[in-house]
Amino acid sequence: MSLLERALADRGEMRRGDLGDLVGCKYWGPGRFARALKTAAEQGRIKRTGFGRYGPAA
């Protein structure tokens, strides 16, 4: 999840697909990227800014 935090801190708000490409989620295994996004958002480490969009928490 810290990888997601760093990517969003560096690049700002982005679409889910673009974030996934940036962090190489296709190599993570089935369902792991979605779980990581959900968990990070629930913990307040990142925030969901709209439909399919995420941004840094602060």
C-alpha atoms as a PDB file:
ATOM      1  CA  MET A   1       0.000   0.000   0.000  1.00  0.00           C
ATOM      2  CA  SER A   2       2.893   2.368   0.545  1.00  0.00           C
ATOM      3  CA  LEU A   3       3.606   1.989  -3.174  1.00  0.00           C
ATOM      4  CA  LEU A   4       0.137   3.371  -3.909  1.00  0.00           C
ATOM      5  CA  GLU A   5       0.674   6.223  -1.443  1.00  0.00           C
ATOM      6  CA  ARG A   6       4.010   7.189  -2.987  1.00  0.00           C
ATOM      7  CA  ALA A   7       2.686   7.029  -6.546  1.00  0.00           C
ATOM      8  CA  LEU A   8      -0.256   9.283  -5.708  1.00  0.00           C
ATOM      9  CA  ALA A   9       1.917  11.668  -3.689  1.00  0.00           C
ATOM     10  CA  ASP A  10       4.287  12.009  -6.657  1.00  0.00           C
ATOM     11  CA  ARG A  11       1.719  12.207  -9.462  1.00  0.00           C
ATOM     12  CA  GLY A  12      -1.428  13.476  -7.761  1.00  0.00           C
ATOM     13  CA  GLU A  13      -4.958  12.329  -8.535  1.00  0.00           C
ATOM     14  CA  MET A  14      -5.269   9.692 -11.232  1.00  0.00           C
ATOM     15  CA  ARG A  15      -7.570   7.105 -12.707  1.00  0.00           C
ATOM     16  CA  ARG A  16      -7.521   3.596 -11.285  1.00  0.00           C
ATOM     17  CA  GLY A  17      -6.169   2.111 -14.523  1.00  0.00           C
ATOM     18  CA  ASP A  18      -3.362   4.642 -14.800  1.00  0.00           C
ATOM     19  CA  LEU A  19      -2.401   4.059 -11.177  1.00  0.00           C
ATOM     20  CA  GLY A  20      -2.407   0.311 -11.775  1.00  0.00           C
ATOM     21  CA  ASP A  21      -0.140   0.678 -14.794  1.00  0.00           C
ATOM     22  CA  LEU A  22       2.218   2.928 -12.834  1.00  0.00           C
ATOM     23  CA  VAL A  23       2.632   0.458  -9.960  1.00  0.00           C
ATOM     24  CA  GLY A  24       2.719  -2.663 -12.156  1.00  0.00           C
ATOM     25  CA  CYS A  25      -0.425  -4.244 -10.720  1.00  0.00           C
ATOM     26  CA  LYS A  26      -0.677  -6.805 -13.523  1.00  0.00           C
ATOM     27  CA  TYR A  27       2.148  -8.675 -11.794  1.00  0.00           C
ATOM     28  CA  TRP A  28       0.532  -8.626  -8.336  1.00  0.00           C
ATOM     29  CA  GLY A  29      -1.854 -11.528  -8.800  1.00  0.00           C
ATOM     30  CA  PRO A  30      -5.622 -11.682  -9.091  1.00  0.00           C
ATOM     31  CA  GLY A  31      -7.565  -9.271  -6.895  1.00  0.00           C
ATOM     32  CA  ARG A  32      -4.588  -7.866  -5.010  1.00  0.00           C
ATOM     33  CA  PHE A  33      -4.666  -4.412  -6.567  1.00  0.00           C
ATOM     34  CA  ALA A  34      -8.373  -3.960  -5.827  1.00  0.00           C
ATOM     35  CA  ARG A  35      -7.860  -5.121  -2.232  1.00  0.00           C
ATOM     36  CA  ALA A  36      -4.877  -2.819  -1.783  1.00  0.00           C
ATOM     37  CA  LEU A  37      -6.870   0.171  -3.072  1.00  0.00           C
ATOM     38  CA  LYS A  38      -9.827  -0.630  -0.840  1.00  0.00           C
ATOM     39  CA  THR A  39      -7.689  -1.175   2.258  1.00  0.00           C
ATOM     40  CA  ALA A  40      -5.568   1.939   1.699  1.00  0.00           C
ATOM     41  CA  ALA A  41      -8.696   4.074   1.234  1.00  0.00           C
ATOM     42  CA  GLU A  42     -10.376   2.601   4.327  1.00  0.00           C
ATOM     43  CA  GLN A  43      -7.260   3.308   6.396  1.00  0.00           C
ATOM     44  CA  GLY A  44      -7.090   6.885   5.124  1.00  0.00           C
ATOM     45  CA  ARG A  45      -3.745   6.388   3.413  1.00  0.00           C
ATOM     46  CA  ILE A  46      -5.217   7.416   0.042  1.00  0.00           C
ATOM     47  CA  LYS A  47      -8.610   8.850  -0.848  1.00  0.00           C
ATOM     48  CA  ARG A  48     -11.159   8.044  -3.476  1.00  0.00           C
ATOM     49  CA  THR A  49     -11.878  11.279  -5.312  1.00  0.00           C
ATOM     50  CA  GLY A  50     -14.550  10.110  -7.721  1.00  0.00           C
ATOM     51  CA  PHE A  51     -15.719   7.150  -9.738  1.00  0.00           C
ATOM     52  CA  GLY A  52     -12.548   5.163 -10.440  1.00  0.00           C
ATOM     53  CA  ARG A  53     -10.253   8.001  -9.339  1.00  0.00           C
ATOM     54  CA  TYR A  54      -7.851   8.154  -6.404  1.00  0.00           C
ATOM     55  CA  GLY A  55      -5.641  10.817  -4.895  1.00  0.00           C
ATOM     56  CA  PRO A  56      -3.232  11.357  -2.026  1.00  0.00           C
ATOM     57  CA  ALA A  57      -4.753  11.483   1.443  1.00  0.00           C
ATOM     58  CA  ALA A  58      -3.344  14.883   2.336  1.00  0.00           C
END
